[in-house]
Amino acid sequence: MTEPHPSYDVIVVGGGGAGLMATLRAARAGAKTLLLEKNPSLGGTTRLSVGSISANGTPQQAAAGIADNPDDHFEDLGKFAGPLEPRDNLDLRRVYVDNIAAAMRDLMDVGLVFADPVPEPPHRVPRLHNVLPHSGAFIRALSAAANAAGATIRTGAAVADLTTAGGRVTGVVLSDGERLLARRGVVLTSGDYSGAGPDLKADFLPEAIRHVEGINVTATGDGQRMGRAIGSDVVNPDLVWGPEMRFLAPPKPSAVTRIPPTRAFATLTRFAMRALPGPLLRPFLMSFVTTFLAPSKTLLKEGALLINIHGERFCDETDAPEIPVSRQPDRRAFILLDGAMTQKFEAWPYFVSTAPGVGYAYLSDYRRNRRDIFHSAGSLPQLAQKAGLPGDALTATVARYNADASARGGRPAFGDGPYTLLGPLKSWLCFTEGGLRTDTSLRVLRADGTAIAGLFAAGSAGQGGLILEGHGHHLGWAFVSGRIAGAAAACCDDSAPATVSEKELACTH
């Protein structure tokens, strides 16, 4: 007798890093696995990331003579959390530090290559591992491995709802009405809600930032919405990374993002990073830094002005300017520097942007690599013309600023040229922290702490109250939680214990 709807053992909802890892682990455990991604291509927020993972006990650390262990990593994560530590889910923090080395082994087993670990205080030892040549390597390697393991991957397939029967999640309904059955479990790996509409943000975020756009506009909280609809809740829903000012992306893909993320090229890149002199390697690294990252706030502290598209200064640059930027016409602004500042931001410690473990970029790097957002001229009217701003307004803005010492807040008067204008930039929410309540097997829990049978969540959708301050922890959690959730769903049994062991992770049916 044929089933009324297509059926699978495990259905994974969301094709970013967590979803791909969950799909791979479920398929390798012998489950007939389907991955559904609503966008035309895989990647999610993982593809938009720098590609850093914070990990302990790795081969890269051992090769560098770095002794590390999960207990030290656990303690250091508390230092990153700071005043938020009382809100942290310590059980999930333990899951992270105890399983990140195994997740790194899985990533290396599918062909991924990482640079040597670099420090990031307050980590006591170098733990930051950058994937090579860029974050697209995660998507390429994991999707290929999932396909090889027999998983089915569908893009352009948006999930609208979960189906349930007898208190158990039994499958999903797509936005076009198609129903798909999941015999063992559904894994929600749909990301955060930074790109959600004002209705969902109104439930979770402070009013002052609800209007700010998310960097990933398709991170619309689908998993959180579906989990709440059947009785779960979102833990730490008000915590968010951002708003953060970032320059607009280049109009064409950068040379870095066009590099094929093959293992051979990644290995060559790692060799180059170890062997080439700095001057030869720098152009490659700076192309990365100037493409993806935010301007340093030191620019504003040293006297740079924020200007909108009408050539007007609109806020105190030293007092949380991100929100005023988000309320400007077209939500865009520019950073204006005088001649002295232009000269200053060419050497340490006056950098324009940085990527952890990659390098620091100065104005000359932006002049070379981001001509679309770098404008310079000897006079303000000439500068305004190059950038498409009204020259009279820009000149008048600087004159008013210099005439009103109170408006400067102790910063120096704006000096002579040559002037530099960087932008446009916008304010974005990088990601939200609230994820569905989960246990250490990444089973989704109801608000009363009981498990919803057949439902799992990983990555941002299954963050469960875990605090992930610092670089590399969100991506690390995506792979750790995806790894556990995928295996747990493949082995799904209503009587499953609260913690998935390595033996269970390797189970087959």
Protein backbone atom coordinates (compact mmCIF):
# COMPACT_ATOMS: atom_id res chain seq x y z
CA MET A 1 0.00 0.00 0.00
CA THR A 2 1.51 3.30 -1.04
CA GLU A 3 1.76 6.11 1.49
CA PRO A 4 -0.43 9.18 0.80
CA HIS A 5 2.55 11.53 1.03
CA PRO A 6 6.28 11.16 0.33
CA SER A 7 7.99 9.94 3.47
CA TYR A 8 11.49 10.04 4.93
CA ASP A 9 13.07 8.98 8.18
CA VAL A 10 14.44 12.46 8.94
CA ILE A 11 13.54 15.85 7.49
CA VAL A 12 15.94 18.74 8.11
CA VAL A 13 14.58 22.28 7.68
CA GLY A 14 17.26 24.79 6.69
CA GLY A 15 20.41 24.38 4.61
CA GLY A 16 23.07 26.35 6.46
CA GLY A 17 25.95 24.88 8.44
CA ALA A 18 23.79 23.30 11.16
CA GLY A 19 21.36 21.83 8.65
CA LEU A 20 24.04 20.36 6.42
CA MET A 21 25.82 18.78 9.38
CA ALA A 22 22.53 17.36 10.69
CA THR A 23 21.72 15.98 7.25
CA LEU A 24 25.13 14.36 6.93
CA ARG A 25 24.99 12.73 10.35
CA ALA A 26 21.45 11.45 9.88
CA ALA A 27 22.23 10.01 6.45
CA ARG A 28 25.42 8.36 7.69
CA ALA A 29 23.40 6.79 10.52
CA GLY A 30 21.36 4.99 7.87
CA ALA A 31 18.30 7.25 7.89
CA LYS A 32 16.53 8.22 4.67
CA THR A 33 17.11 11.95 4.99
CA LEU A 34 15.69 15.01 3.23
CA LEU A 35 17.10 18.53 3.57
CA LEU A 36 14.75 21.41 2.68
CA GLU A 37 16.10 24.90 2.01
CA LYS A 38 13.75 27.75 1.15
CA ASN A 39 16.35 29.78 -0.74
CA PRO A 40 17.53 28.99 -4.27
CA SER A 41 20.90 27.89 -2.90
CA LEU A 42 22.35 26.44 0.28
CA GLY A 43 24.43 28.36 2.79
CA GLY A 44 22.35 30.43 5.18
CA THR A 45 24.20 32.65 7.61
CA THR A 46 27.16 30.25 7.54
CA ARG A 47 27.99 31.33 4.01
CA LEU A 48 27.93 34.98 5.11
CA SER A 49 30.30 34.37 8.03
CA VAL A 50 34.03 34.93 8.34
CA GLY A 51 34.38 31.16 8.74
CA SER A 52 35.90 30.99 12.24
CA ILE A 53 35.31 28.20 14.74
CA SER A 54 36.35 28.39 18.39
CA ALA A 55 37.54 24.90 19.30
CA ASN A 56 39.64 23.01 21.83
CA GLY A 57 41.59 19.78 21.50
CA THR A 58 42.18 20.07 17.76
CA PRO A 59 45.00 18.64 15.62
CA GLN A 60 45.87 22.22 14.66
CA GLN A 61 46.43 23.10 18.30
CA ALA A 62 48.48 19.96 18.89
CA ALA A 63 50.67 20.71 15.86
CA ALA A 64 51.30 24.20 17.23
CA GLY A 65 52.22 22.83 20.66
CA ILE A 66 49.06 24.24 22.28
CA ALA A 67 47.71 22.23 25.21
CA ASP A 68 43.97 22.72 25.64
CA ASN A 69 40.97 20.94 27.11
CA PRO A 70 37.18 21.26 27.38
CA ASP A 71 37.22 22.35 31.03
CA ASP A 72 39.39 25.38 30.29
CA HIS A 73 37.24 26.23 27.27
CA PHE A 74 34.11 25.97 29.43
CA GLU A 75 35.56 28.40 31.96
CA ASP A 76 36.69 30.87 29.29
CA LEU A 77 33.25 30.92 27.69
CA GLY A 78 31.98 32.26 31.00
CA LYS A 79 34.44 35.15 30.73
CA PHE A 80 33.03 36.02 27.31
CA ALA A 81 29.48 35.89 28.67
CA GLY A 82 30.36 38.37 31.42
CA PRO A 83 27.22 39.86 33.04
CA LEU A 84 25.05 37.59 30.87
CA GLU A 85 26.47 34.43 32.45
CA PRO A 86 23.54 33.99 34.88
CA ARG A 87 21.33 33.62 31.79
CA ASP A 88 23.57 31.02 30.15
CA ASN A 89 22.54 27.39 29.65
CA LEU A 90 25.49 25.66 31.26
CA ASP A 91 24.36 22.20 30.15
CA LEU A 92 24.53 23.28 26.51
CA ARG A 93 27.84 25.07 27.11
CA ARG A 94 29.14 21.72 28.35
CA VAL A 95 27.80 20.05 25.20
CA TYR A 96 29.64 22.62 23.08
CA VAL A 97 33.08 22.30 24.68
CA ASP A 98 32.89 18.50 24.99
CA ASN A 99 31.88 17.93 21.36
CA ILE A 100 33.60 20.66 19.34
CA ALA A 101 36.75 18.56 18.78
CA ALA A 102 34.63 15.74 17.32
CA ALA A 103 32.77 18.23 15.12
CA MET A 104 36.09 19.57 13.85
CA ARG A 105 37.18 16.02 13.01
CA ASP A 106 33.99 15.54 11.01
CA LEU A 107 34.66 18.77 9.12
CA MET A 108 38.21 17.76 8.33
CA ASP A 109 37.05 14.29 7.31
CA VAL A 110 34.90 15.81 4.55
CA GLY A 111 37.91 17.70 3.22
CA LEU A 112 37.90 21.05 5.01
CA VAL A 113 41.20 22.76 5.74
CA PHE A 114 41.80 25.22 8.58
CA ALA A 115 44.46 27.82 9.22
CA ASP A 116 46.63 27.58 12.31
CA PRO A 117 44.72 28.59 15.46
CA VAL A 118 44.98 32.21 16.52
CA PRO A 119 44.36 33.89 19.89
CA GLU A 120 41.35 35.88 20.98
CA PRO A 121 41.41 37.02 24.63
CA PRO A 122 40.02 36.14 27.10
CA HIS A 123 40.63 32.65 25.67
CA ARG A 124 43.74 31.53 27.55
CA VAL A 125 45.16 29.77 24.46
CA PRO A 126 44.65 30.18 20.70
CA ARG A 127 41.34 28.54 19.79
CA LEU A 128 40.12 30.42 16.72
CA HIS A 129 40.29 28.22 13.61
CA ASN A 130 39.57 29.92 10.26
CA VAL A 131 38.39 27.73 7.40
CA LEU A 132 40.26 28.12 4.10
CA PRO A 133 39.88 29.73 1.67
CA HIS A 134 36.52 31.13 2.87
CA SER A 135 33.21 30.10 4.46
CA GLY A 136 31.82 28.79 1.17
CA ALA A 137 34.05 25.77 1.75
CA PHE A 138 31.72 24.57 4.52
CA ILE A 139 28.75 24.50 2.17
CA ARG A 140 30.58 22.85 -0.71
CA ALA A 141 32.17 20.10 1.38
CA LEU A 142 29.20 19.25 3.59
CA SER A 143 26.64 19.21 0.78
CA ALA A 144 28.88 16.94 -1.30
CA ALA A 145 29.34 14.61 1.67
CA ALA A 146 25.59 14.57 2.42
CA ASN A 147 24.81 13.72 -1.19
CA ALA A 148 27.42 10.96 -1.13
CA ALA A 149 25.81 9.58 2.02
CA GLY A 150 22.49 9.27 0.18
CA ALA A 151 20.66 12.35 1.46
CA THR A 152 18.22 14.23 -0.74
CA ILE A 153 18.60 18.02 -0.89
CA ARG A 154 15.86 20.31 -2.16
CA THR A 155 16.27 24.06 -2.55
CA GLY A 156 13.44 26.52 -3.17
CA ALA A 157 11.34 24.49 -0.72
CA ALA A 158 9.97 26.66 2.09
CA VAL A 159 8.45 24.90 5.10
CA ALA A 160 5.31 26.59 6.42
CA ASP A 161 4.19 24.27 9.24
CA LEU A 162 4.80 21.09 11.16
CA THR A 163 2.32 18.24 11.19
CA THR A 164 1.55 16.36 14.39
CA ALA A 165 -0.35 13.26 15.48
CA GLY A 166 -0.77 11.91 18.99
CA GLY A 167 1.50 14.59 20.45
CA ARG A 168 4.32 13.74 18.06
CA VAL A 169 5.75 15.71 15.13
CA THR A 170 5.15 13.63 12.02
CA GLY A 171 6.33 15.81 9.15
CA VAL A 172 6.12 19.20 7.47
CA VAL A 173 3.90 21.20 5.17
CA LEU A 174 5.56 23.26 2.45
CA SER A 175 4.38 26.74 1.50
CA ASP A 176 2.77 25.32 -1.64
CA GLY A 177 0.73 22.86 0.43
CA GLU A 178 2.85 19.78 -0.23
CA ARG A 179 3.01 17.43 2.77
CA LEU A 180 6.04 15.34 3.62
CA LEU A 181 6.21 12.70 6.35
CA ALA A 182 9.09 12.15 8.77
CA ARG A 183 9.00 8.73 10.39
CA ARG A 184 11.68 9.42 13.00
CA GLY A 185 12.03 13.15 13.34
CA VAL A 186 12.16 16.70 12.03
CA VAL A 187 15.24 18.83 12.72
CA LEU A 188 14.76 22.62 12.67
CA THR A 189 17.96 24.34 11.52
CA SER A 190 16.37 27.43 10.03
CA GLY A 191 18.56 30.03 11.74
CA ASP A 192 17.72 33.10 13.79
CA TYR A 193 15.10 35.85 13.40
CA SER A 194 17.28 38.90 12.67
CA GLY A 195 15.68 39.17 9.23
CA ALA A 196 12.12 38.62 10.44
CA GLY A 197 9.26 41.03 9.98
CA PRO A 198 8.15 43.49 12.65
CA ASP A 199 5.48 41.11 13.94
CA LEU A 200 7.94 38.48 15.17
CA LYS A 201 10.53 41.03 16.27
CA ALA A 202 7.83 42.76 18.31
CA ASP A 203 7.51 39.54 20.35
CA PHE A 204 11.20 39.38 21.13
CA LEU A 205 13.29 42.52 20.61
CA PRO A 206 13.44 45.97 22.23
CA GLU A 207 11.32 48.50 20.38
CA ALA A 208 14.33 50.68 19.50
CA ILE A 209 15.83 48.05 17.17
CA ARG A 210 12.83 46.22 15.74
CA HIS A 211 13.03 48.19 12.50
CA VAL A 212 16.73 47.36 11.86
CA GLU A 213 17.34 44.94 8.99
CA GLY A 214 19.14 41.66 9.40
CA ILE A 215 22.28 40.87 7.44
CA ASN A 216 20.64 37.61 6.42
CA VAL A 217 17.25 38.81 5.21
CA THR A 218 15.98 35.24 4.93
CA ALA A 219 16.70 34.43 8.59
CA THR A 220 13.06 34.99 9.46
CA GLY A 221 12.64 32.85 12.57
CA ASP A 222 10.76 30.04 10.83
CA GLY A 223 11.87 27.39 13.31
CA GLN A 224 11.12 29.53 16.35
CA ARG A 225 7.66 30.28 14.98
CA MET A 226 6.86 26.63 14.25
CA GLY A 227 8.22 25.44 17.60
CA ARG A 228 6.19 28.00 19.53
CA ALA A 229 3.05 26.99 17.64
CA ILE A 230 3.20 23.49 19.13
CA GLY A 231 4.15 24.41 22.68
CA SER A 232 7.86 25.26 22.89
CA ASP A 233 9.23 28.67 23.81
CA VAL A 234 12.23 30.80 22.89
CA VAL A 235 14.98 31.24 25.49
CA ASN A 236 16.86 34.56 25.74
CA PRO A 237 14.70 36.08 22.99
CA ASP A 238 15.81 39.68 23.66
CA LEU A 239 19.55 39.11 23.13
CA VAL A 240 20.95 40.25 19.79
CA TRP A 241 24.29 40.99 18.10
CA GLY A 242 23.83 44.46 16.72
CA PRO A 243 22.86 46.81 15.39
CA GLU A 244 26.31 47.00 13.78
CA MET A 245 27.45 49.34 11.04
CA ARG A 246 28.90 47.64 7.98
CA PHE A 247 29.82 48.86 4.54
CA LEU A 248 27.60 47.73 1.72
CA ALA A 249 28.84 44.67 -0.14
CA PRO A 250 30.71 45.22 -3.42
CA PRO A 251 28.47 45.49 -6.49
CA LYS A 252 30.23 42.44 -7.91
CA PRO A 253 31.46 39.38 -6.01
CA SER A 254 34.95 39.93 -4.66
CA ALA A 255 37.95 37.96 -5.82
CA VAL A 256 37.91 36.13 -2.49
CA THR A 257 34.35 34.84 -2.86
CA ARG A 258 35.04 33.70 -6.42
CA ILE A 259 37.87 31.45 -5.30
CA PRO A 260 36.78 27.80 -5.65
CA PRO A 261 36.68 26.41 -2.10
CA THR A 262 38.34 23.13 -3.01
CA ARG A 263 40.57 21.19 -0.66
CA ALA A 264 43.52 21.59 -3.02
CA PHE A 265 43.22 25.36 -3.10
CA ALA A 266 42.62 25.52 0.68
CA THR A 267 45.79 23.51 1.27
CA LEU A 268 47.72 25.83 -1.03
CA THR A 269 46.31 28.83 0.85
CA ARG A 270 47.41 27.40 4.18
CA PHE A 271 50.90 26.80 2.81
CA ALA A 272 51.01 30.38 1.53
CA MET A 273 49.90 31.76 4.89
CA ARG A 274 52.73 29.88 6.58
CA ALA A 275 55.47 30.42 4.01
CA LEU A 276 54.97 33.66 2.08
CA PRO A 277 56.40 36.95 3.29
CA GLY A 278 53.81 39.39 4.62
CA PRO A 279 53.98 41.84 1.68
CA LEU A 280 53.15 39.07 -0.80
CA LEU A 281 50.33 37.59 1.27
CA ARG A 282 48.77 40.89 2.36
CA PRO A 283 46.79 41.71 -0.84
CA PHE A 284 44.87 38.42 -0.55
CA LEU A 285 44.12 38.89 3.14
CA MET A 286 43.10 42.51 2.70
CA SER A 287 40.67 41.61 -0.07
CA PHE A 288 38.92 39.46 2.51
CA VAL A 289 38.99 41.98 5.36
CA THR A 290 37.72 44.90 3.31
CA THR A 291 34.93 42.85 1.75
CA PHE A 292 33.12 41.49 4.77
CA LEU A 293 33.73 43.50 7.91
CA ALA A 294 32.67 46.55 9.87
CA PRO A 295 34.45 49.90 10.29
CA SER A 296 36.28 50.37 13.57
CA LYS A 297 34.64 52.75 16.03
CA THR A 298 38.07 54.26 16.56
CA LEU A 299 37.40 56.23 13.37
CA LEU A 300 34.55 58.03 15.11
CA LYS A 301 36.37 58.46 18.41
CA GLU A 302 39.23 60.16 16.58
CA GLY A 303 36.92 62.74 15.00
CA ALA A 304 35.39 61.26 11.84
CA LEU A 305 31.86 62.44 11.05
CA LEU A 306 28.81 60.45 10.06
CA ILE A 307 27.04 62.02 7.09
CA ASN A 308 23.75 60.99 5.47
CA ILE A 309 22.91 61.04 1.75
CA HIS A 310 21.87 64.70 2.06
CA GLY A 311 25.32 65.69 3.28
CA GLU A 312 24.09 66.26 6.83
CA ARG A 313 25.53 65.20 10.18
CA PHE A 314 22.70 63.58 12.16
CA CYS A 315 24.00 62.26 15.51
CA ASP A 316 26.72 62.20 18.14
CA GLU A 317 29.15 59.74 16.56
CA THR A 318 30.42 58.55 19.95
CA ASP A 319 27.00 57.72 21.43
CA ALA A 320 25.57 54.52 19.90
CA PRO A 321 25.32 55.85 16.34
CA GLU A 322 24.07 52.55 14.89
CA ILE A 323 20.41 53.23 15.59
CA PRO A 324 20.44 56.81 14.18
CA VAL A 325 22.13 55.43 11.05
CA SER A 326 19.29 52.94 10.62
CA ARG A 327 16.77 55.82 10.61
CA GLN A 328 18.44 57.92 7.90
CA PRO A 329 17.08 58.29 4.34
CA ASP A 330 17.69 54.99 2.51
CA ARG A 331 19.12 53.81 5.88
CA ARG A 332 22.56 54.80 4.59
CA ALA A 333 25.43 56.93 5.86
CA PHE A 334 29.08 57.78 5.12
CA ILE A 335 32.20 58.28 7.25
CA LEU A 336 34.03 61.56 6.58
CA LEU A 337 37.71 62.03 7.50
CA ASP A 338 39.89 65.12 7.23
CA GLY A 339 43.52 65.13 6.08
CA ALA A 340 45.03 64.44 9.49
CA MET A 341 42.75 61.45 10.08
CA THR A 342 43.35 60.16 6.56
CA GLN A 343 47.04 60.10 7.31
CA LYS A 344 46.59 58.60 10.79
CA PHE A 345 44.57 55.57 9.67
CA GLU A 346 47.43 54.09 7.70
CA ALA A 347 49.27 52.37 10.55
CA TRP A 348 48.66 50.46 13.77
CA PRO A 349 46.75 51.00 16.02
CA TYR A 350 44.55 53.11 13.72
CA PHE A 351 42.97 50.49 11.45
CA VAL A 352 39.70 50.75 9.54
CA SER A 353 38.58 47.14 9.98
CA THR A 354 39.81 43.76 11.15
CA ALA A 355 39.00 40.08 10.86
CA PRO A 356 39.98 37.89 13.82
CA GLY A 357 43.07 35.94 12.91
CA VAL A 358 43.20 37.38 9.39
CA GLY A 359 44.53 40.91 9.59
CA TYR A 360 44.00 44.65 9.91
CA ALA A 361 42.98 46.89 7.02
CA TYR A 362 44.00 50.54 6.68
CA LEU A 363 42.80 53.27 4.35
CA SER A 364 45.31 52.30 1.67
CA ASP A 365 43.77 48.81 1.67
CA TYR A 366 40.32 50.26 1.11
CA ARG A 367 41.69 52.52 -1.62
CA ARG A 368 43.05 49.43 -3.37
CA ASN A 369 40.30 46.86 -2.69
CA ARG A 370 37.06 48.82 -2.22
CA ARG A 371 37.05 51.57 -4.82
CA ASP A 372 33.26 51.44 -4.81
CA ILE A 373 33.13 52.87 -1.27
CA PHE A 374 36.40 54.85 -1.13
CA HIS A 375 36.27 58.50 -2.21
CA SER A 376 39.00 61.13 -1.80
CA ALA A 377 39.49 64.73 -2.91
CA GLY A 378 41.28 67.90 -1.94
CA SER A 379 38.09 69.86 -1.20
CA LEU A 380 34.68 69.05 0.24
CA PRO A 381 32.75 70.06 -2.91
CA GLN A 382 34.97 67.81 -5.05
CA LEU A 383 34.55 64.97 -2.58
CA ALA A 384 30.78 65.38 -2.53
CA GLN A 385 30.66 65.28 -6.32
CA LYS A 386 32.62 62.03 -6.45
CA ALA A 387 30.31 60.41 -3.91
CA GLY A 388 27.08 61.82 -5.34
CA LEU A 389 26.32 64.02 -2.32
CA PRO A 390 25.22 67.70 -2.33
CA GLY A 391 28.43 69.75 -2.04
CA ASP A 392 26.90 72.87 -0.50
CA ALA A 393 25.25 70.82 2.24
CA LEU A 394 28.44 68.94 3.06
CA THR A 395 30.47 72.14 3.30
CA ALA A 396 27.83 73.78 5.50
CA THR A 397 27.69 70.70 7.75
CA VAL A 398 31.43 70.83 8.45
CA ALA A 399 31.28 74.59 9.08
CA ARG A 400 28.48 74.18 11.64
CA TYR A 401 30.35 71.37 13.35
CA ASN A 402 33.50 73.46 13.70
CA ALA A 403 31.58 76.50 14.96
CA ASP A 404 29.87 74.58 17.78
CA ALA A 405 32.36 73.12 20.24
CA SER A 406 29.56 71.51 22.27
CA ALA A 407 28.51 69.52 19.19
CA ARG A 408 31.98 68.00 19.00
CA GLY A 409 31.89 66.55 22.52
CA GLY A 410 35.57 67.16 23.11
CA ARG A 411 36.69 65.96 19.70
CA PRO A 412 38.95 68.21 17.61
CA ALA A 413 37.60 70.58 15.00
CA PHE A 414 37.41 69.14 11.50
CA GLY A 415 40.59 70.08 9.64
CA ASP A 416 41.79 70.64 6.11
CA GLY A 417 42.01 68.08 3.31
CA PRO A 418 42.74 65.97 1.51
CA TYR A 419 39.44 64.45 2.60
CA THR A 420 38.28 60.85 2.55
CA LEU A 421 34.71 59.57 2.47
CA LEU A 422 33.96 55.89 3.16
CA GLY A 423 30.57 54.48 2.32
CA PRO A 424 27.77 54.01 2.03
CA LEU A 425 27.28 51.89 5.12
CA LYS A 426 24.18 50.65 6.90
CA SER A 427 23.27 49.31 10.32
CA TRP A 428 22.29 45.66 10.51
CA LEU A 429 21.38 43.07 13.08
CA CYS A 430 24.07 40.38 12.75
CA PHE A 431 22.02 37.67 14.43
CA THR A 432 19.64 37.13 17.32
CA GLU A 433 20.43 34.76 20.18
CA GLY A 434 16.99 33.39 21.05
CA GLY A 435 16.54 29.72 20.21
CA LEU A 436 13.94 27.09 21.02
CA ARG A 437 14.20 25.42 24.40
CA THR A 438 16.20 22.18 23.95
CA ASP A 439 17.83 19.48 26.01
CA THR A 440 21.36 18.13 25.52
CA SER A 441 20.17 15.80 22.74
CA LEU A 442 18.78 18.88 20.97
CA ARG A 443 15.23 17.61 21.44
CA VAL A 444 12.83 20.54 21.44
CA LEU A 445 11.15 21.00 24.81
CA ARG A 446 7.83 22.45 25.78
CA ALA A 447 7.79 25.40 28.12
CA ASP A 448 7.25 22.95 31.01
CA GLY A 449 10.44 21.05 30.14
CA THR A 450 8.87 17.96 28.56
CA ALA A 451 10.13 16.85 25.17
CA ILE A 452 8.10 17.23 21.98
CA ALA A 453 8.44 13.80 20.42
CA GLY A 454 9.95 13.77 16.95
CA LEU A 455 11.20 17.36 16.99
CA PHE A 456 14.81 18.52 17.23
CA ALA A 457 16.51 21.87 16.66
CA ALA A 458 20.10 22.97 16.09
CA GLY A 459 22.12 26.06 15.34
CA SER A 460 20.43 29.35 16.14
CA ALA A 461 17.00 27.71 16.02
CA GLY A 462 18.11 25.33 18.79
CA GLN A 463 20.37 27.59 20.83
CA GLY A 464 18.28 26.92 23.91
CA GLY A 465 19.62 29.77 26.06
CA LEU A 466 23.30 29.16 25.32
CA ILE A 467 25.30 32.42 25.40
CA LEU A 468 27.71 32.58 22.43
CA GLU A 469 29.69 35.79 22.90
CA GLY A 470 33.02 36.11 21.09
CA HIS A 471 34.06 35.03 17.62
CA GLY A 472 33.70 31.49 16.31
CA HIS A 473 31.18 30.24 18.85
CA HIS A 474 28.02 30.55 16.76
CA LEU A 475 29.59 28.63 13.90
CA GLY A 476 31.04 26.09 16.32
CA TRP A 477 27.61 25.60 17.87
CA ALA A 478 26.04 25.16 14.45
CA PHE A 479 28.26 22.17 13.73
CA VAL A 480 28.20 20.68 17.24
CA SER A 481 24.42 20.94 17.60
CA GLY A 482 23.74 19.88 14.00
CA ARG A 483 25.92 16.85 14.50
CA ILE A 484 24.06 15.76 17.64
CA ALA A 485 20.56 16.62 16.43
CA GLY A 486 20.96 14.79 13.14
CA ALA A 487 22.21 11.64 14.80
CA ALA A 488 19.58 11.83 17.54
CA ALA A 489 16.78 12.22 15.00
CA ALA A 490 18.07 9.25 13.01
CA CYS A 491 18.04 7.14 16.16
CA CYS A 492 14.82 8.68 17.41
CA ASP A 493 13.05 6.72 20.09
CA ASP A 494 10.52 8.20 22.50
CA SER A 495 12.44 6.58 25.35
CA ALA A 496 15.80 8.05 24.27
CA PRO A 497 18.01 9.27 27.10
CA ALA A 498 18.61 12.97 27.62
CA THR A 499 22.20 12.82 26.39
CA VAL A 500 23.35 11.31 23.11
CA SER A 501 26.50 9.22 23.52
CA GLU A 502 29.16 8.62 20.89
CA LYS A 503 27.79 5.09 20.50
CA GLU A 504 24.34 6.47 19.75
CA LEU A 505 25.83 9.01 17.35
CA ALA A 506 27.15 6.08 15.34
CA CYS A 507 23.93 4.04 15.41
CA THR A 508 22.42 2.55 12.29
CA HIS A 509 19.03 1.02 11.55
